[in-house]
N, C-alpha and C. Protein backbone atom coordinates (compact mmCIF):
# COMPACT_ATOMS: atom_id res chain seq x y z
N MET A 1 -24.38 -11.32 8.90
CA MET A 1 -25.20 -11.60 10.46
C MET A 1 -26.43 -12.07 10.37
N PHE A 2 -26.64 -13.40 10.59
CA PHE A 2 -28.12 -14.19 10.82
C PHE A 2 -28.64 -13.60 12.22
N ILE A 3 -30.12 -12.89 12.17
CA ILE A 3 -30.66 -12.92 13.24
C ILE A 3 -32.06 -13.37 13.07
N THR A 4 -32.21 -13.92 14.01
CA THR A 4 -33.54 -15.19 14.63
C THR A 4 -34.15 -14.36 15.44
N LYS A 5 -35.21 -14.89 15.83
CA LYS A 5 -36.17 -14.53 17.04
C LYS A 5 -35.09 -14.94 18.49
N GLU A 6 -34.58 -16.09 18.19
CA GLU A 6 -33.98 -16.98 19.38
C GLU A 6 -32.75 -15.86 19.68
N LYS A 7 -31.68 -15.89 18.58
CA LYS A 7 -30.54 -15.71 18.83
C LYS A 7 -29.98 -14.63 17.68
N VAL A 8 -28.59 -14.23 17.92
CA VAL A 8 -27.74 -13.60 16.66
C VAL A 8 -26.57 -14.68 16.39
N GLU A 9 -26.25 -14.85 15.35
CA GLU A 9 -25.21 -15.45 15.29
C GLU A 9 -23.98 -14.79 14.24
N LEU A 10 -22.93 -14.24 14.47
CA LEU A 10 -21.96 -13.91 13.84
C LEU A 10 -21.18 -14.53 12.99
N LEU A 11 -21.07 -14.66 11.51
CA LEU A 11 -20.05 -14.88 11.03
C LEU A 11 -18.93 -14.31 10.51
N ARG A 12 -17.47 -14.89 10.90
CA ARG A 12 -16.46 -14.10 10.91
C ARG A 12 -15.30 -14.96 9.69
N GLU A 13 -15.21 -14.11 8.73
CA GLU A 13 -14.00 -14.90 7.97
C GLU A 13 -12.69 -15.53 8.68
N CYS A 14 -12.14 -16.73 8.07
CA CYS A 14 -11.35 -17.31 8.88
C CYS A 14 -9.57 -16.52 8.40
N ARG A 15 -9.33 -16.91 8.87
CA ARG A 15 -7.44 -16.03 8.62
C ARG A 15 -6.96 -16.72 6.98
N CYS A 16 -7.05 -17.66 7.22
CA CYS A 16 -6.95 -18.63 5.85
C CYS A 16 -7.57 -18.26 4.31
N ASN A 17 -8.72 -17.81 4.48
CA ASN A 17 -9.45 -17.25 3.57
C ASN A 17 -9.02 -16.03 3.42
N PHE A 18 -9.01 -15.12 4.29
CA PHE A 18 -8.25 -13.72 4.07
C PHE A 18 -6.91 -13.49 3.25
N ASP A 19 -6.00 -14.77 4.08
CA ASP A 19 -4.78 -14.63 3.31
C ASP A 19 -5.15 -15.03 1.73
N ARG A 20 -5.92 -16.01 1.41
CA ARG A 20 -6.14 -16.48 -0.19
C ARG A 20 -6.49 -15.24 -0.76
N LYS A 21 -7.40 -14.64 -0.28
CA LYS A 21 -7.64 -13.53 -1.03
C LYS A 21 -6.65 -12.19 -1.16
N GLN A 22 -5.97 -12.25 -0.48
CA GLN A 22 -4.89 -11.37 -0.39
C GLN A 22 -3.56 -11.57 -1.56
N ASP A 23 -3.23 -12.91 -1.29
CA ASP A 23 -2.66 -13.71 -2.35
C ASP A 23 -3.07 -13.47 -3.83
N ASN A 24 -4.30 -13.53 -4.11
CA ASN A 24 -5.36 -13.56 -5.13
C ASN A 24 -4.89 -12.13 -5.67
N LYS A 25 -5.36 -11.01 -4.90
CA LYS A 25 -5.11 -9.89 -5.41
C LYS A 25 -3.49 -9.29 -5.50
N ILE A 26 -2.82 -9.88 -4.97
CA ILE A 26 -1.13 -9.65 -5.40
C ILE A 26 -0.96 -10.10 -6.54
N LYS A 27 -1.43 -11.66 -7.05
CA LYS A 27 -1.04 -12.21 -8.40
C LYS A 27 -1.74 -11.40 -9.28
N SER A 28 -3.23 -10.67 -9.18
CA SER A 28 -3.51 -10.32 -10.06
C SER A 28 -3.03 -9.24 -10.36
N ALA A 29 -2.48 -8.10 -9.53
CA ALA A 29 -2.04 -6.92 -9.70
C ALA A 29 -0.69 -7.30 -10.17
N LYS A 30 0.08 -8.30 -10.41
CA LYS A 30 1.14 -8.40 -11.18
C LYS A 30 2.40 -7.86 -10.52
N VAL A 31 2.36 -8.14 -9.04
CA VAL A 31 3.13 -7.48 -8.61
C VAL A 31 4.69 -8.06 -8.73
N PRO A 32 5.82 -7.21 -8.75
CA PRO A 32 6.94 -7.95 -9.18
C PRO A 32 7.46 -8.93 -7.73
N LYS A 33 7.73 -10.26 -7.80
CA LYS A 33 8.30 -10.99 -6.88
C LYS A 33 9.43 -10.01 -5.56
N GLU A 34 10.23 -9.39 -6.28
CA GLU A 34 10.95 -8.70 -5.41
C GLU A 34 10.62 -7.58 -4.53
N TYR A 35 8.77 -6.85 -4.72
CA TYR A 35 8.31 -6.21 -4.35
C TYR A 35 7.56 -6.53 -3.49
N VAL A 36 7.05 -7.58 -3.50
CA VAL A 36 6.07 -8.50 -2.53
C VAL A 36 5.84 -7.99 -1.38
N ASP A 37 6.95 -8.21 -0.47
CA ASP A 37 6.91 -7.61 1.04
C ASP A 37 7.47 -6.35 1.06
N ALA A 38 7.36 -5.93 0.31
CA ALA A 38 8.04 -4.42 0.68
C ALA A 38 6.92 -3.49 1.44
N THR A 39 7.68 -2.44 2.35
CA THR A 39 6.99 -1.72 3.02
C THR A 39 7.42 -0.19 2.79
N VAL A 40 6.86 1.06 3.07
CA VAL A 40 7.46 2.38 2.69
C VAL A 40 8.52 2.41 3.57
N GLY A 41 8.47 2.14 4.74
CA GLY A 41 9.51 2.33 5.99
C GLY A 41 10.90 2.05 5.36
N PRO A 42 11.38 1.18 4.57
CA PRO A 42 12.53 0.98 4.21
C PRO A 42 13.11 1.22 2.81
N PHE A 43 12.14 2.39 2.31
CA PHE A 43 12.17 2.98 1.03
C PHE A 43 13.73 3.71 1.18
N ASP A 44 14.20 3.31 0.08
CA ASP A 44 15.97 3.55 0.67
C ASP A 44 16.04 5.18 -0.61
N ILE A 45 16.22 6.02 0.16
CA ILE A 45 16.52 7.39 -0.71
C ILE A 45 18.09 7.46 -1.05
N GLU A 46 18.93 6.68 -0.08
CA GLU A 46 20.62 6.83 -0.53
C GLU A 46 20.64 6.26 -1.67
N LEU A 47 19.53 5.59 -2.64
CA LEU A 47 19.62 5.06 -3.94
C LEU A 47 20.41 6.04 -4.74
N TYR A 48 19.25 7.32 -4.27
CA TYR A 48 19.67 8.63 -5.32
C TYR A 48 21.13 9.43 -5.30
N THR A 49 21.52 9.88 -6.27
CA THR A 49 22.69 10.78 -5.98
C THR A 49 22.79 12.20 -6.41
N GLN A 50 21.78 12.71 -6.91
CA GLN A 50 21.56 14.13 -7.18
C GLN A 50 20.88 14.47 -5.91
N GLN A 51 21.20 15.29 -5.48
CA GLN A 51 20.18 16.34 -4.40
C GLN A 51 18.91 16.66 -4.34
N ASN A 52 18.64 16.94 -5.59
CA ASN A 52 17.08 17.21 -5.78
C ASN A 52 16.30 16.20 -6.10
N ASN A 53 17.15 14.93 -6.56
CA ASN A 53 16.32 13.44 -6.69
C ASN A 53 16.38 13.22 -5.33
N ILE A 54 16.99 13.26 -4.29
CA ILE A 54 17.17 13.12 -2.72
C ILE A 54 15.79 13.67 -2.11
N GLU A 55 16.04 14.78 -2.34
CA GLU A 55 14.64 15.54 -1.75
C GLU A 55 13.58 15.34 -2.49
N LYS A 56 13.13 15.00 -3.74
CA LYS A 56 12.14 14.68 -4.25
C LYS A 56 11.73 13.42 -3.72
N ALA A 57 12.71 11.98 -3.31
CA ALA A 57 12.37 10.72 -2.99
C ALA A 57 12.06 11.27 -1.31
N MET A 58 12.75 12.14 -0.63
CA MET A 58 12.49 12.03 0.66
C MET A 58 10.52 12.59 1.00
N THR A 59 10.44 13.39 -0.10
CA THR A 59 9.02 14.11 0.01
C THR A 59 8.20 13.26 -0.37
N ALA A 60 8.18 12.00 -1.19
CA ALA A 60 7.60 11.02 -1.70
C ALA A 60 7.20 10.16 -0.63
N LYS A 61 8.46 9.69 -0.02
CA LYS A 61 8.28 8.79 1.05
C LYS A 61 7.44 8.86 2.36
N ARG A 62 8.06 10.20 2.82
CA ARG A 62 7.15 11.40 3.73
C ARG A 62 5.64 11.36 3.70
N ILE A 63 5.29 11.51 2.47
CA ILE A 63 3.83 11.45 1.92
C ILE A 63 3.18 10.21 1.60
N ALA A 64 4.19 9.20 1.26
CA ALA A 64 3.39 7.84 1.53
C ALA A 64 3.19 7.57 2.86
N VAL A 65 4.11 7.60 3.79
CA VAL A 65 3.90 6.77 5.15
C VAL A 65 3.00 7.96 5.94
N ARG A 66 2.79 9.33 5.60
CA ARG A 66 1.50 10.08 5.87
C ARG A 66 0.11 9.39 5.60
N TYR A 67 0.20 9.21 4.20
CA TYR A 67 -1.10 8.11 3.75
C TYR A 67 -1.57 7.06 4.30
N VAL A 68 -0.28 6.36 4.42
CA VAL A 68 -0.50 5.37 4.92
C VAL A 68 -1.10 5.46 6.46
N GLU A 69 -0.50 6.12 7.15
CA GLU A 69 -0.77 6.09 8.32
C GLU A 69 -2.35 6.47 8.46
N ASN A 70 -2.99 7.34 7.80
CA ASN A 70 -3.94 7.96 7.84
C ASN A 70 -4.86 7.46 6.98
N PHE A 71 -4.74 6.13 6.45
CA PHE A 71 -5.31 5.53 5.19
C PHE A 71 -7.26 5.29 5.60
N GLU A 72 -7.39 5.08 6.77
CA GLU A 72 -8.75 4.97 6.78
C GLU A 72 -9.55 6.34 6.84
N ASN A 73 -8.93 7.40 7.48
CA ASN A 73 -9.54 8.63 7.19
C ASN A 73 -9.72 9.11 5.36
N MET A 74 -8.42 8.86 4.92
CA MET A 74 -8.19 9.28 3.38
C MET A 74 -9.53 8.17 2.81
N GLN A 75 -9.42 7.03 3.01
CA GLN A 75 -10.75 6.42 2.13
C GLN A 75 -12.07 6.93 2.48
N GLN A 76 -12.28 7.34 3.59
CA GLN A 76 -13.50 7.98 3.70
C GLN A 76 -13.87 9.16 3.35
N LEU A 77 -12.50 9.93 3.03
CA LEU A 77 -12.88 11.21 2.37
C LEU A 77 -12.61 11.19 0.52
N GLY A 78 -12.44 10.07 0.32
CA GLY A 78 -12.18 9.86 -1.25
C GLY A 78 -11.03 10.14 -1.59
N LYS A 79 -10.35 9.86 -0.92
CA LYS A 79 -8.96 10.82 -0.95
C LYS A 79 -7.94 9.48 -1.71
N GLY A 80 -7.22 9.78 -2.54
CA GLY A 80 -6.19 8.78 -3.08
C GLY A 80 -5.06 9.14 -3.39
N LEU A 81 -3.80 8.65 -3.72
CA LEU A 81 -2.47 8.93 -3.76
C LEU A 81 -1.87 8.96 -5.47
N TYR A 82 -1.33 9.82 -5.89
CA TYR A 82 -0.91 9.73 -7.22
C TYR A 82 0.63 10.26 -7.39
N LEU A 83 1.08 9.27 -8.09
CA LEU A 83 2.62 9.05 -7.98
C LEU A 83 3.18 9.74 -9.34
N TYR A 84 3.85 10.75 -9.65
CA TYR A 84 4.26 11.32 -11.02
C TYR A 84 6.02 11.69 -11.00
N SER A 85 6.43 10.53 -11.92
CA SER A 85 7.66 11.25 -12.39
C SER A 85 8.11 10.76 -14.14
N GLU A 86 8.59 11.78 -14.54
CA GLU A 86 9.10 11.29 -16.05
C GLU A 86 10.21 10.78 -16.02
N ALA A 87 11.04 10.31 -14.68
CA ALA A 87 11.95 9.73 -14.75
C ALA A 87 11.89 8.40 -14.65
N LYS A 88 12.41 7.28 -15.52
CA LYS A 88 12.38 5.92 -15.00
C LYS A 88 13.21 5.43 -13.93
N GLY A 89 12.85 4.72 -13.26
CA GLY A 89 13.79 3.99 -11.88
C GLY A 89 13.50 5.26 -10.55
N SER A 90 12.83 5.95 -11.05
CA SER A 90 12.25 7.14 -10.02
C SER A 90 11.95 6.36 -8.59
N GLY A 91 11.28 5.24 -8.47
CA GLY A 91 11.04 4.75 -7.30
C GLY A 91 8.91 4.31 -7.33
N LYS A 92 8.81 5.16 -8.34
CA LYS A 92 6.98 5.24 -8.63
C LYS A 92 6.79 3.66 -7.96
N THR A 93 7.09 2.68 -8.79
CA THR A 93 6.27 1.39 -8.55
C THR A 93 6.60 0.85 -7.34
N ARG A 94 8.02 0.89 -6.74
CA ARG A 94 8.24 0.39 -5.55
C ARG A 94 7.12 1.20 -4.37
N LEU A 95 7.27 2.45 -4.27
CA LEU A 95 6.50 3.40 -3.38
C LEU A 95 4.78 2.75 -3.29
N ALA A 96 4.41 2.77 -4.55
CA ALA A 96 2.98 2.72 -4.73
C ALA A 96 2.68 1.10 -4.22
N ILE A 97 3.69 0.04 -4.25
CA ILE A 97 3.31 -1.06 -4.01
C ILE A 97 3.50 -1.30 -2.52
N SER A 98 4.43 -0.59 -2.07
CA SER A 98 4.63 -0.46 -0.52
C SER A 98 3.84 0.20 0.41
N ILE A 99 2.84 1.11 -0.52
CA ILE A 99 1.79 1.44 0.11
C ILE A 99 0.37 0.43 0.36
N ILE A 100 0.40 -0.56 -0.81
CA ILE A 100 -0.63 -1.61 -1.19
C ILE A 100 -0.44 -2.19 0.28
């Protein structure tokens, strides 16, 4: 914002500049191409076969959705989200990228 005696001028970032910055963030994060447009909603818990894994995936998805829905509040509180599993292929990367 520029303020002078005569007037106040507001500058707003153009959409193309915002999009370019977002693309650069995705590239620098090395997001796999198949995940670029991923969102939390379609995270498929049906991929899991064992009941305990289905329950864990449902819980992780529910927490991720709640985190995204309340992101501004979480950010103000300095709260993050930590995804942990010893199992390879448990959906940690897919879910984390979906949140981003």
